N, C-alpha and C. Protein backbone atom coordinates (compact mmCIF):
# COMPACT_ATOMS: atom_id res chain seq x y z
N MET A 1 109.99 92.53 104.95
CA MET A 1 109.64 93.66 105.78
C MET A 1 108.99 94.77 104.95
N LEU A 2 109.33 94.85 103.68
CA LEU A 2 108.77 95.90 102.86
C LEU A 2 107.25 95.73 102.70
N ILE A 3 106.80 94.48 102.66
CA ILE A 3 105.36 94.22 102.59
C ILE A 3 104.68 94.79 103.84
N LEU A 4 105.28 94.55 104.99
CA LEU A 4 104.71 95.07 106.24
C LEU A 4 104.76 96.59 106.29
N GLU A 5 105.82 97.16 105.76
CA GLU A 5 105.92 98.61 105.72
C GLU A 5 104.92 99.21 104.73
N THR A 6 104.53 98.44 103.74
CA THR A 6 103.52 98.90 102.80
C THR A 6 102.17 99.00 103.51
N ILE A 7 101.91 98.08 104.41
CA ILE A 7 100.65 98.07 105.15
C ILE A 7 100.67 99.09 106.28
N ASP A 8 101.75 99.09 107.05
CA ASP A 8 101.86 99.96 108.22
C ASP A 8 102.60 101.23 107.82
N LEU A 9 101.90 102.33 107.77
CA LEU A 9 102.48 103.59 107.32
C LEU A 9 103.50 104.15 108.31
N ASN A 10 103.53 103.64 109.52
CA ASN A 10 104.50 104.11 110.52
C ASN A 10 105.86 103.46 110.37
N GLY A 11 105.96 102.41 109.55
CA GLY A 11 107.21 101.75 109.21
C GLY A 11 108.20 101.58 110.33
N ILE A 12 109.28 102.36 110.29
CA ILE A 12 110.39 102.21 111.22
C ILE A 12 109.97 102.42 112.66
N GLN A 13 109.01 103.30 112.90
CA GLN A 13 108.53 103.52 114.27
C GLN A 13 107.87 102.26 114.83
N SER A 14 107.07 101.59 114.01
CA SER A 14 106.42 100.34 114.45
C SER A 14 107.46 99.26 114.72
N LEU A 15 108.46 99.16 113.86
CA LEU A 15 109.51 98.16 114.06
C LEU A 15 110.25 98.43 115.37
N TYR A 16 110.54 99.68 115.63
CA TYR A 16 111.24 100.05 116.85
C TYR A 16 110.37 99.80 118.09
N SER A 17 109.09 100.13 118.02
CA SER A 17 108.18 99.88 119.15
C SER A 17 108.10 98.40 119.48
N ILE A 18 107.98 97.59 118.45
CA ILE A 18 107.91 96.15 118.68
C ILE A 18 109.23 95.65 119.25
N SER A 19 110.33 96.16 118.76
CA SER A 19 111.64 95.80 119.30
C SER A 19 111.70 96.07 120.80
N ASN A 20 111.22 97.23 121.21
CA ASN A 20 111.19 97.57 122.65
C ASN A 20 110.27 96.64 123.41
N ARG A 21 109.09 96.38 122.85
CA ARG A 21 108.11 95.51 123.52
C ARG A 21 108.65 94.09 123.69
N LEU A 22 109.47 93.64 122.73
CA LEU A 22 110.05 92.29 122.81
C LEU A 22 111.38 92.27 123.57
N ASN A 23 111.74 93.41 124.16
CA ASN A 23 113.00 93.54 124.91
C ASN A 23 114.23 93.19 124.08
N LEU A 24 114.26 93.71 122.87
CA LEU A 24 115.39 93.46 121.96
C LEU A 24 116.33 94.67 121.90
N ASN A 25 116.26 95.53 122.91
CA ASN A 25 117.07 96.76 122.93
C ASN A 25 118.56 96.47 122.94
N TYR A 26 118.97 95.33 123.47
CA TYR A 26 120.39 94.99 123.51
C TYR A 26 120.92 94.70 122.11
N VAL A 27 120.04 94.30 121.19
CA VAL A 27 120.44 94.02 119.81
C VAL A 27 120.11 95.20 118.90
N LEU A 28 118.93 95.78 119.11
CA LEU A 28 118.44 96.88 118.28
C LEU A 28 118.17 98.08 119.19
N PRO A 29 119.22 98.79 119.59
CA PRO A 29 119.05 99.85 120.59
C PRO A 29 118.33 101.10 120.09
N ASN A 30 118.25 101.29 118.77
CA ASN A 30 117.60 102.51 118.26
C ASN A 30 117.13 102.30 116.83
N LYS A 31 116.44 103.31 116.30
CA LYS A 31 115.89 103.24 114.95
C LYS A 31 116.98 103.19 113.89
N VAL A 32 118.09 103.84 114.17
CA VAL A 32 119.20 103.86 113.20
C VAL A 32 119.76 102.46 113.00
N THR A 33 119.86 101.70 114.06
CA THR A 33 120.35 100.32 113.95
C THR A 33 119.42 99.49 113.07
N ILE A 34 118.14 99.64 113.28
CA ILE A 34 117.16 98.91 112.46
C ILE A 34 117.28 99.36 111.01
N TRP A 35 117.39 100.65 110.79
CA TRP A 35 117.53 101.19 109.43
C TRP A 35 118.77 100.62 108.75
N LYS A 36 119.88 100.56 109.46
CA LYS A 36 121.12 100.03 108.88
C LYS A 36 120.96 98.55 108.52
N LEU A 37 120.30 97.79 109.36
CA LEU A 37 120.10 96.37 109.06
C LEU A 37 119.21 96.19 107.84
N ARG A 38 118.17 96.99 107.72
CA ARG A 38 117.29 96.92 106.55
C ARG A 38 118.06 97.27 105.28
N ASN A 39 119.00 98.18 105.40
CA ASN A 39 119.78 98.61 104.23
C ASN A 39 120.92 97.66 103.90
N ASN A 40 120.97 96.55 104.53
CA ASN A 40 121.97 95.54 104.23
C ASN A 40 121.57 94.72 103.00
N ASN A 41 120.44 95.03 102.43
CA ASN A 41 119.93 94.36 101.24
C ASN A 41 120.63 94.93 100.00
N PRO A 42 121.32 94.11 99.21
CA PRO A 42 122.04 94.62 98.04
C PRO A 42 121.14 95.20 96.95
N LEU A 43 119.85 94.99 97.05
CA LEU A 43 118.93 95.54 96.06
C LEU A 43 118.54 96.99 96.37
N ARG A 44 118.86 97.45 97.55
CA ARG A 44 118.49 98.82 97.95
C ARG A 44 119.44 99.85 97.35
N LYS A 45 118.91 101.06 97.21
CA LYS A 45 119.73 102.17 96.71
C LYS A 45 120.85 102.49 97.70
N SER A 46 120.51 102.53 98.97
CA SER A 46 121.49 102.89 100.01
C SER A 46 122.03 101.63 100.68
N TYR A 47 122.58 100.76 99.86
CA TYR A 47 123.09 99.47 100.33
C TYR A 47 124.32 99.65 101.22
N LEU A 48 124.26 99.04 102.39
CA LEU A 48 125.41 99.00 103.30
C LEU A 48 125.87 97.56 103.40
N ASN A 49 127.11 97.33 103.13
CA ASN A 49 127.62 95.96 103.16
C ASN A 49 128.15 95.62 104.55
N ASN A 50 127.26 95.24 105.41
CA ASN A 50 127.62 94.81 106.77
C ASN A 50 127.20 93.35 106.93
N ASP A 51 127.98 92.62 107.66
CA ASP A 51 127.57 91.26 107.98
C ASP A 51 126.56 91.32 109.11
N ILE A 52 125.41 90.73 108.89
CA ILE A 52 124.39 90.69 109.94
C ILE A 52 124.74 89.55 110.88
N LYS A 53 124.77 89.88 112.15
CA LYS A 53 125.04 88.87 113.17
C LYS A 53 123.79 88.03 113.36
N LEU A 54 123.98 86.80 113.82
CA LEU A 54 122.86 85.89 114.03
C LEU A 54 121.82 86.49 114.98
N GLU A 55 122.26 87.15 116.04
CA GLU A 55 121.30 87.73 116.99
C GLU A 55 120.52 88.88 116.34
N GLU A 56 121.12 89.61 115.41
CA GLU A 56 120.41 90.66 114.69
C GLU A 56 119.38 90.05 113.74
N PHE A 57 119.78 88.99 113.05
CA PHE A 57 118.85 88.27 112.16
C PHE A 57 117.66 87.75 112.96
N ASP A 58 117.94 87.11 114.09
CA ASP A 58 116.87 86.59 114.95
C ASP A 58 115.93 87.70 115.42
N ALA A 59 116.50 88.83 115.79
CA ALA A 59 115.68 89.96 116.26
C ALA A 59 114.78 90.46 115.13
N LEU A 60 115.30 90.57 113.92
CA LEU A 60 114.49 91.01 112.79
C LEU A 60 113.37 90.01 112.48
N VAL A 61 113.67 88.73 112.61
CA VAL A 61 112.64 87.70 112.38
C VAL A 61 111.55 87.82 113.44
N LYS A 62 111.94 88.00 114.70
CA LYS A 62 110.96 88.14 115.78
C LYS A 62 110.08 89.37 115.57
N ILE A 63 110.68 90.47 115.16
CA ILE A 63 109.91 91.69 114.90
C ILE A 63 108.95 91.47 113.74
N THR A 64 109.42 90.81 112.70
CA THR A 64 108.58 90.54 111.53
C THR A 64 107.38 89.68 111.91
N VAL A 65 107.61 88.65 112.70
CA VAL A 65 106.52 87.78 113.14
C VAL A 65 105.52 88.56 113.98
N GLU A 66 106.02 89.35 114.91
CA GLU A 66 105.12 90.10 115.79
C GLU A 66 104.32 91.14 115.01
N LEU A 67 104.96 91.83 114.10
CA LEU A 67 104.25 92.82 113.29
C LEU A 67 103.24 92.13 112.37
N SER A 68 103.57 90.94 111.88
CA SER A 68 102.63 90.17 111.05
C SER A 68 101.40 89.79 111.84
N ARG A 69 101.59 89.42 113.10
CA ARG A 69 100.44 89.10 113.96
C ARG A 69 99.53 90.31 114.12
N TYR A 70 100.15 91.43 114.37
CA TYR A 70 99.40 92.67 114.57
C TYR A 70 98.66 93.09 113.30
N LEU A 71 99.30 92.92 112.15
CA LEU A 71 98.73 93.36 110.88
C LEU A 71 97.94 92.27 110.15
N TYR A 72 97.80 91.10 110.77
CA TYR A 72 97.14 89.98 110.09
C TYR A 72 95.75 90.32 109.53
N PRO A 73 94.90 91.04 110.25
CA PRO A 73 93.59 91.37 109.65
C PRO A 73 93.73 92.13 108.33
N TYR A 74 94.71 92.98 108.24
CA TYR A 74 94.94 93.73 107.00
C TYR A 74 95.52 92.82 105.91
N ILE A 75 96.43 91.95 106.32
CA ILE A 75 97.01 91.00 105.36
C ILE A 75 95.90 90.14 104.76
N ARG A 76 95.04 89.63 105.63
CA ARG A 76 93.93 88.79 105.17
C ARG A 76 93.01 89.56 104.22
N GLU A 77 92.72 90.81 104.55
CA GLU A 77 91.85 91.63 103.72
C GLU A 77 92.47 91.91 102.35
N ILE A 78 93.77 92.13 102.33
CA ILE A 78 94.46 92.36 101.04
C ILE A 78 94.41 91.10 100.19
N LEU A 79 94.68 89.95 100.79
CA LEU A 79 94.62 88.69 100.04
C LEU A 79 93.20 88.43 99.53
N LYS A 80 92.23 88.69 100.37
CA LYS A 80 90.83 88.50 99.99
C LYS A 80 90.47 89.43 98.83
N SER A 81 90.97 90.65 98.85
CA SER A 81 90.65 91.61 97.79
C SER A 81 91.24 91.17 96.45
N LYS A 82 92.37 90.49 96.48
CA LYS A 82 92.96 89.99 95.23
C LYS A 82 92.13 88.83 94.69
N GLU A 83 91.61 88.03 95.60
CA GLU A 83 90.78 86.89 95.22
C GLU A 83 89.50 87.34 94.55
N ASP A 84 88.92 88.41 95.06
CA ASP A 84 87.67 88.94 94.52
C ASP A 84 87.93 90.35 93.99
N ILE A 85 88.73 90.41 92.94
CA ILE A 85 89.23 91.68 92.42
C ILE A 85 88.12 92.61 91.95
N GLU A 86 87.03 92.07 91.42
CA GLU A 86 85.94 92.92 90.93
C GLU A 86 85.27 93.69 92.05
N GLU A 87 85.08 93.03 93.19
CA GLU A 87 84.38 93.66 94.30
C GLU A 87 85.30 94.51 95.18
N ASN A 88 86.54 94.08 95.34
CA ASN A 88 87.45 94.75 96.28
C ASN A 88 88.71 95.29 95.60
N SER A 89 88.61 95.70 94.38
CA SER A 89 89.80 96.11 93.64
C SER A 89 90.51 97.30 94.27
N VAL A 90 89.79 98.16 94.97
CA VAL A 90 90.40 99.35 95.56
C VAL A 90 91.47 98.96 96.57
N ILE A 91 91.19 97.98 97.41
CA ILE A 91 92.14 97.55 98.44
C ILE A 91 93.41 97.01 97.79
N TRP A 92 93.24 96.09 96.84
CA TRP A 92 94.40 95.49 96.17
C TRP A 92 95.19 96.56 95.40
N ASN A 93 94.49 97.37 94.67
CA ASN A 93 95.17 98.39 93.86
C ASN A 93 95.91 99.40 94.72
N ASP A 94 95.33 99.82 95.83
CA ASP A 94 96.01 100.75 96.73
C ASP A 94 97.26 100.13 97.33
N PHE A 95 97.13 98.89 97.77
CA PHE A 95 98.29 98.18 98.34
C PHE A 95 99.38 98.03 97.28
N ASN A 96 99.01 97.57 96.10
CA ASN A 96 99.97 97.34 95.03
C ASN A 96 100.66 98.65 94.63
N ARG A 97 99.90 99.72 94.53
CA ARG A 97 100.46 101.03 94.16
C ARG A 97 101.47 101.50 95.20
N ARG A 98 101.11 101.37 96.47
CA ARG A 98 102.03 101.80 97.54
C ARG A 98 103.29 100.93 97.55
N PHE A 99 103.14 99.63 97.34
CA PHE A 99 104.28 98.72 97.30
C PHE A 99 105.24 99.13 96.18
N ILE A 100 104.70 99.39 95.01
CA ILE A 100 105.52 99.81 93.87
C ILE A 100 106.21 101.14 94.17
N GLU A 101 105.49 102.07 94.80
CA GLU A 101 106.09 103.36 95.17
C GLU A 101 107.28 103.17 96.10
N LEU A 102 107.13 102.28 97.08
CA LEU A 102 108.22 102.03 98.02
C LEU A 102 109.41 101.38 97.32
N ILE A 103 109.14 100.46 96.41
CA ILE A 103 110.22 99.82 95.64
C ILE A 103 110.97 100.89 94.86
N LYS A 104 110.25 101.74 94.15
CA LYS A 104 110.88 102.78 93.33
C LYS A 104 111.66 103.77 94.18
N GLU A 105 111.14 104.05 95.35
CA GLU A 105 111.79 105.02 96.24
C GLU A 105 113.06 104.46 96.87
N ARG A 106 113.05 103.17 97.23
CA ARG A 106 114.11 102.63 98.06
C ARG A 106 115.08 101.67 97.37
N PHE A 107 114.70 101.14 96.23
CA PHE A 107 115.52 100.09 95.61
C PHE A 107 116.21 100.57 94.35
N ASN A 108 117.26 99.85 93.99
CA ASN A 108 118.04 100.14 92.79
C ASN A 108 117.25 99.67 91.57
N LEU A 109 116.75 100.59 90.82
CA LEU A 109 115.87 100.27 89.69
C LEU A 109 116.61 99.66 88.50
N GLU A 110 117.92 99.65 88.54
CA GLU A 110 118.71 99.03 87.46
C GLU A 110 118.89 97.52 87.66
N SER A 111 118.61 97.05 88.85
CA SER A 111 118.76 95.63 89.15
C SER A 111 117.69 94.80 88.44
N MET A 112 118.09 93.68 87.88
CA MET A 112 117.15 92.79 87.19
C MET A 112 116.10 92.24 88.16
N ARG A 113 116.51 91.96 89.38
CA ARG A 113 115.56 91.45 90.38
C ARG A 113 114.50 92.50 90.70
N VAL A 114 114.91 93.74 90.81
CA VAL A 114 113.97 94.82 91.09
C VAL A 114 113.04 95.02 89.90
N LYS A 115 113.58 94.95 88.70
CA LYS A 115 112.76 95.07 87.50
C LYS A 115 111.71 93.96 87.45
N LYS A 116 112.08 92.78 87.92
CA LYS A 116 111.13 91.66 87.97
C LYS A 116 109.98 91.98 88.92
N VAL A 117 110.31 92.57 90.06
CA VAL A 117 109.27 92.93 91.03
C VAL A 117 108.36 94.01 90.47
N LEU A 118 108.93 94.90 89.66
CA LEU A 118 108.13 95.98 89.08
C LEU A 118 107.29 95.52 87.90
N ASN A 119 107.59 94.35 87.34
CA ASN A 119 106.80 93.78 86.25
C ASN A 119 105.45 93.34 86.82
N GLN A 120 104.36 93.87 86.29
CA GLN A 120 103.04 93.65 86.88
C GLN A 120 102.67 92.17 87.03
N THR A 121 102.94 91.34 86.03
CA THR A 121 102.56 89.93 86.13
C THR A 121 103.38 89.22 87.21
N GLU A 122 104.66 89.52 87.29
CA GLU A 122 105.52 88.90 88.31
C GLU A 122 105.22 89.50 89.69
N ASN A 123 104.91 90.77 89.69
CA ASN A 123 104.66 91.50 90.92
C ASN A 123 103.53 90.87 91.73
N ASP A 124 102.42 90.59 91.11
CA ASP A 124 101.28 90.00 91.82
C ASP A 124 101.66 88.69 92.50
N GLU A 125 102.39 87.86 91.79
CA GLU A 125 102.80 86.56 92.35
C GLU A 125 103.73 86.76 93.54
N ILE A 126 104.68 87.66 93.44
CA ILE A 126 105.62 87.93 94.53
C ILE A 126 104.87 88.46 95.75
N ILE A 127 103.96 89.38 95.52
CA ILE A 127 103.19 89.96 96.64
C ILE A 127 102.34 88.88 97.32
N ILE A 128 101.65 88.08 96.54
CA ILE A 128 100.79 87.04 97.12
C ILE A 128 101.62 86.05 97.92
N LYS A 129 102.74 85.60 97.38
CA LYS A 129 103.60 84.66 98.11
C LYS A 129 104.11 85.29 99.41
N SER A 130 104.48 86.55 99.34
CA SER A 130 104.98 87.23 100.54
C SER A 130 103.89 87.38 101.60
N LEU A 131 102.70 87.78 101.17
CA LEU A 131 101.58 87.91 102.11
C LEU A 131 101.21 86.56 102.73
N LEU A 132 101.21 85.51 101.92
CA LEU A 132 100.91 84.17 102.45
C LEU A 132 101.97 83.73 103.45
N THR A 133 103.23 83.98 103.15
CA THR A 133 104.31 83.63 104.07
C THR A 133 104.13 84.35 105.40
N LEU A 134 103.81 85.64 105.34
CA LEU A 134 103.58 86.39 106.57
C LEU A 134 102.36 85.87 107.32
N SER A 135 101.35 85.42 106.59
CA SER A 135 100.15 84.84 107.23
C SER A 135 100.48 83.56 107.97
N PHE A 136 101.35 82.75 107.39
CA PHE A 136 101.71 81.48 108.02
C PHE A 136 102.57 81.67 109.26
N CYS A 137 103.25 82.79 109.34
CA CYS A 137 104.16 82.96 110.47
C CYS A 137 103.50 83.56 111.71
N ILE A 138 102.19 83.72 111.71
CA ILE A 138 101.53 84.29 112.89
C ILE A 138 101.18 83.22 113.93
N SER A 139 101.39 81.97 113.61
CA SER A 139 101.07 80.88 114.54
C SER A 139 102.07 80.85 115.70
N ASN A 140 101.86 79.94 116.63
CA ASN A 140 102.75 79.80 117.78
C ASN A 140 104.18 79.48 117.35
N LYS A 141 104.33 78.73 116.30
CA LYS A 141 105.66 78.36 115.79
C LYS A 141 106.08 79.28 114.64
N GLY A 142 105.48 80.45 114.56
CA GLY A 142 105.72 81.37 113.47
C GLY A 142 107.17 81.80 113.33
N TYR A 143 107.81 82.04 114.45
CA TYR A 143 109.21 82.45 114.42
C TYR A 143 110.05 81.39 113.71
N GLN A 144 109.87 80.14 114.11
CA GLN A 144 110.66 79.05 113.53
C GLN A 144 110.30 78.84 112.06
N LYS A 145 109.02 78.96 111.72
CA LYS A 145 108.59 78.81 110.32
C LYS A 145 109.22 79.86 109.43
N LEU A 146 109.20 81.12 109.88
CA LEU A 146 109.76 82.19 109.06
C LEU A 146 111.27 82.06 108.97
N LYS A 147 111.89 81.71 110.06
CA LYS A 147 113.35 81.54 110.07
C LYS A 147 113.76 80.43 109.09
N ASN A 148 113.05 79.30 109.14
CA ASN A 148 113.34 78.20 108.21
C ASN A 148 113.11 78.61 106.76
N PHE A 149 112.02 79.34 106.53
CA PHE A 149 111.72 79.80 105.18
C PHE A 149 112.85 80.69 104.65
N LEU A 150 113.31 81.62 105.48
CA LEU A 150 114.37 82.54 105.06
C LEU A 150 115.70 81.82 104.83
N PHE A 151 116.00 80.82 105.64
CA PHE A 151 117.23 80.06 105.44
C PHE A 151 117.16 79.24 104.16
N ASP A 152 115.97 78.75 103.81
CA ASP A 152 115.80 77.96 102.60
C ASP A 152 115.71 78.81 101.34
N PHE A 153 115.45 80.09 101.51
CA PHE A 153 115.23 81.00 100.40
C PHE A 153 116.49 81.18 99.64
């Protein structure tokens, strides 16, 4: 989700709008609920140790897929800019800079996993894999693909 939030500057508002559009209000009734679920990640600074229910996990996957569909042109452009770094370096560099800023702002910088993400050589690989995964989940079976990927992760 952080990759999508890097692209979409409206972040939590977009997640909440999509939640409403997908009629997921019974699972995600407000922005605070979404925020709490996002903070269930142990790598975050404001980590909340809550067990995510299966219906909450499914709702987050559905929102991620829908937001990926909406942001796909941007995802494709970012991937293309990395491929042709000499011509489109501004797009890749802006995306990468914003991603790093969000990591530093929201994540525990003492964690080895976070340090790995902040390492420039590892960072590019992680970002590309994440963008490709989001690209693959925009298909008709995107929900199931992303869900399977996350369970295998």
